[in-house]
Amino acid sequence: MDNVVAAIHERTAERLMASAARRGAALGARPRAGVAATDVQRERDRAALILVYGADRQARENRAADAIAAYRRAIELFPQTHWAEVARRRLQAMQS
């Protein structure tokens, strides 16, 4: 389920960028890359948060293997986000 939600957020981010580029082209203006990039980063952060939140829930439910997989997925998909760093710390704590 968490993977589906992450995929949805990634697609949403891609569509936001494409939409912003089309609007800019339709208006004859240069695309505002900074705004689109900010929107994409916000969506990536949200998707990473959802994965970490799900992993936390799985850890509380004593489903360690599922939690570890979800933390690793967050790190793999969104390595530069705050939530990837949170996932790294939680993985370390689980493995020690």
C-alpha atoms as a PDB file:
ATOM      1  CA  MET A   1       0.000   0.000   0.000  1.00  0.00           C
ATOM      2  CA  ASP A   2       2.781   2.422   0.921  1.00  0.00           C
ATOM      3  CA  ASN A   3       4.510   1.736  -2.400  1.00  0.00           C
ATOM      4  CA  VAL A   4       1.312   2.589  -4.251  1.00  0.00           C
ATOM      5  CA  VAL A   5       0.989   5.858  -2.360  1.00  0.00           C
ATOM      6  CA  ALA A   6       4.634   6.718  -3.059  1.00  0.00           C
ATOM      7  CA  ALA A   7       4.142   5.997  -6.756  1.00  0.00           C
ATOM      8  CA  ILE A   8       1.056   8.200  -6.821  1.00  0.00           C
ATOM      9  CA  HIS A   9       2.962  11.074  -5.251  1.00  0.00           C
ATOM     10  CA  GLU A  10       5.836  10.654  -7.699  1.00  0.00           C
ATOM     11  CA  ARG A  11       3.410  10.772 -10.626  1.00  0.00           C
ATOM     12  CA  THR A  12       1.711  13.807  -9.134  1.00  0.00           C
ATOM     13  CA  ALA A  13       5.058  15.580  -8.915  1.00  0.00           C
ATOM     14  CA  GLU A  14       5.821  14.729 -12.540  1.00  0.00           C
ATOM     15  CA  ARG A  15       2.427  16.033 -13.653  1.00  0.00           C
ATOM     16  CA  LEU A  16       2.881  19.244 -11.686  1.00  0.00           C
ATOM     17  CA  MET A  17       6.160  19.893 -13.456  1.00  0.00           C
ATOM     18  CA  ALA A  18       4.678  19.112 -16.875  1.00  0.00           C
ATOM     19  CA  SER A  19       1.637  21.281 -16.183  1.00  0.00           C
ATOM     20  CA  ALA A  20       3.757  24.226 -15.081  1.00  0.00           C
ATOM     21  CA  ALA A  21       5.879  23.900 -18.221  1.00  0.00           C
ATOM     22  CA  ARG A  22       2.779  23.773 -20.468  1.00  0.00           C
ATOM     23  CA  ARG A  23       1.232  26.823 -18.792  1.00  0.00           C
ATOM     24  CA  GLY A  24       4.425  28.772 -19.241  1.00  0.00           C
ATOM     25  CA  ALA A  25       4.726  27.756 -22.891  1.00  0.00           C
ATOM     26  CA  ALA A  26       1.065  28.595 -23.565  1.00  0.00           C
ATOM     27  CA  LEU A  27       1.565  32.055 -22.144  1.00  0.00           C
ATOM     28  CA  GLY A  28       4.743  32.559 -24.138  1.00  0.00           C
ATOM     29  CA  ALA A  29       6.726  32.851 -20.949  1.00  0.00           C
ATOM     30  CA  ARG A  30       9.748  30.959 -19.802  1.00  0.00           C
ATOM     31  CA  PRO A  31       8.839  28.140 -17.423  1.00  0.00           C
ATOM     32  CA  ARG A  32       9.305  29.020 -13.789  1.00  0.00           C
ATOM     33  CA  ALA A  33      11.572  26.140 -12.941  1.00  0.00           C
ATOM     34  CA  GLY A  34      12.015  27.238  -9.337  1.00  0.00           C
ATOM     35  CA  VAL A  35       8.305  27.048  -8.598  1.00  0.00           C
ATOM     36  CA  ALA A  36       7.856  23.694 -10.323  1.00  0.00           C
ATOM     37  CA  ALA A  37      10.945  22.289  -8.615  1.00  0.00           C
ATOM     38  CA  THR A  38       9.617  23.404  -5.237  1.00  0.00           C
ATOM     39  CA  ASP A  39       6.300  21.681  -5.922  1.00  0.00           C
ATOM     40  CA  VAL A  40       8.085  18.494  -6.957  1.00  0.00           C
ATOM     41  CA  GLN A  41      10.287  18.534  -3.869  1.00  0.00           C
ATOM     42  CA  ARG A  42       7.230  19.029  -1.659  1.00  0.00           C
ATOM     43  CA  GLU A  43       5.545  16.005  -3.254  1.00  0.00           C
ATOM     44  CA  ARG A  44       8.700  13.903  -2.859  1.00  0.00           C
ATOM     45  CA  ASP A  45       8.953  14.885   0.792  1.00  0.00           C
ATOM     46  CA  ARG A  46       5.317  13.931   1.292  1.00  0.00           C
ATOM     47  CA  ALA A  47       5.796  10.550  -0.400  1.00  0.00           C
ATOM     48  CA  ALA A  48       8.901   9.840   1.687  1.00  0.00           C
ATOM     49  CA  LEU A  49       7.012  10.813   4.841  1.00  0.00           C
ATOM     50  CA  ILE A  50       4.238   8.380   3.974  1.00  0.00           C
ATOM     51  CA  LEU A  51       6.739   5.557   3.547  1.00  0.00           C
ATOM     52  CA  VAL A  52       8.455   6.342   6.855  1.00  0.00           C
ATOM     53  CA  TYR A  53       5.126   6.715   8.636  1.00  0.00           C
ATOM     54  CA  GLY A  54       4.053   3.305   7.322  1.00  0.00           C
ATOM     55  CA  ALA A  55       7.362   1.778   8.368  1.00  0.00           C
ATOM     56  CA  ASP A  56       6.945   3.220  11.857  1.00  0.00           C
ATOM     57  CA  ARG A  57       3.493   1.655  12.076  1.00  0.00           C
ATOM     58  CA  GLN A  58       4.875  -1.708  10.934  1.00  0.00           C
ATOM     59  CA  ALA A  59       7.654  -1.504  13.517  1.00  0.00           C
ATOM     60  CA  ARG A  60       5.104  -0.824  16.274  1.00  0.00           C
ATOM     61  CA  GLU A  61       3.120  -3.849  15.084  1.00  0.00           C
ATOM     62  CA  ASN A  62       6.254  -6.042  15.443  1.00  0.00           C
ATOM     63  CA  ARG A  63       6.564  -6.448  11.671  1.00  0.00           C
ATOM     64  CA  ALA A  64      10.280  -5.676  11.604  1.00  0.00           C
ATOM     65  CA  ALA A  65      10.994  -7.156   8.158  1.00  0.00           C
ATOM     66  CA  ASP A  66       8.236  -5.041   6.579  1.00  0.00           C
ATOM     67  CA  ALA A  67       9.407  -1.944   8.435  1.00  0.00           C
ATOM     68  CA  ILE A  68      12.998  -2.423   7.309  1.00  0.00           C
ATOM     69  CA  ALA A  69      11.860  -2.871   3.709  1.00  0.00           C
ATOM     70  CA  ALA A  70       9.779   0.323   3.855  1.00  0.00           C
ATOM     71  CA  TYR A  71      12.619   2.357   5.402  1.00  0.00           C
ATOM     72  CA  ARG A  72      14.966   1.102   2.692  1.00  0.00           C
ATOM     73  CA  ARG A  73      12.403   1.975   0.020  1.00  0.00           C
ATOM     74  CA  ALA A  74      12.146   5.541   1.346  1.00  0.00           C
ATOM     75  CA  ILE A  75      15.938   5.859   1.248  1.00  0.00           C
ATOM     76  CA  GLU A  76      16.145   4.351  -2.233  1.00  0.00           C
ATOM     77  CA  LEU A  77      13.388   6.457  -3.782  1.00  0.00           C
ATOM     78  CA  PHE A  78      14.012   9.745  -1.984  1.00  0.00           C
ATOM     79  CA  PRO A  79      17.672   9.771  -0.835  1.00  0.00           C
ATOM     80  CA  GLN A  80      18.022  13.548  -0.539  1.00  0.00           C
ATOM     81  CA  THR A  81      14.982  14.155   1.662  1.00  0.00           C
ATOM     82  CA  HIS A  82      14.784  14.761   5.386  1.00  0.00           C
ATOM     83  CA  TRP A  83      12.670  11.628   5.677  1.00  0.00           C
ATOM     84  CA  ALA A  84      15.366   9.469   4.099  1.00  0.00           C
ATOM     85  CA  GLU A  85      17.680  10.613   6.882  1.00  0.00           C
ATOM     86  CA  VAL A  86      14.995   9.733   9.441  1.00  0.00           C
ATOM     87  CA  ALA A  87      14.679   6.302   7.808  1.00  0.00           C
ATOM     88  CA  ARG A  88      18.468   5.821   7.975  1.00  0.00           C
ATOM     89  CA  ARG A  89      18.486   6.605  11.709  1.00  0.00           C
ATOM     90  CA  ARG A  90      15.573   4.275  12.384  1.00  0.00           C
ATOM     91  CA  LEU A  91      17.226   1.477  10.417  1.00  0.00           C
ATOM     92  CA  GLN A  92      20.392   1.899  12.460  1.00  0.00           C
ATOM     93  CA  ALA A  93      18.403   1.780  15.675  1.00  0.00           C
ATOM     94  CA  MET A  94      16.611  -1.406  14.590  1.00  0.00           C
ATOM     95  CA  GLN A  95      19.856  -3.104  13.610  1.00  0.00           C
ATOM     96  CA  SER A  96      21.706  -2.348  16.835  1.00  0.00           C
END
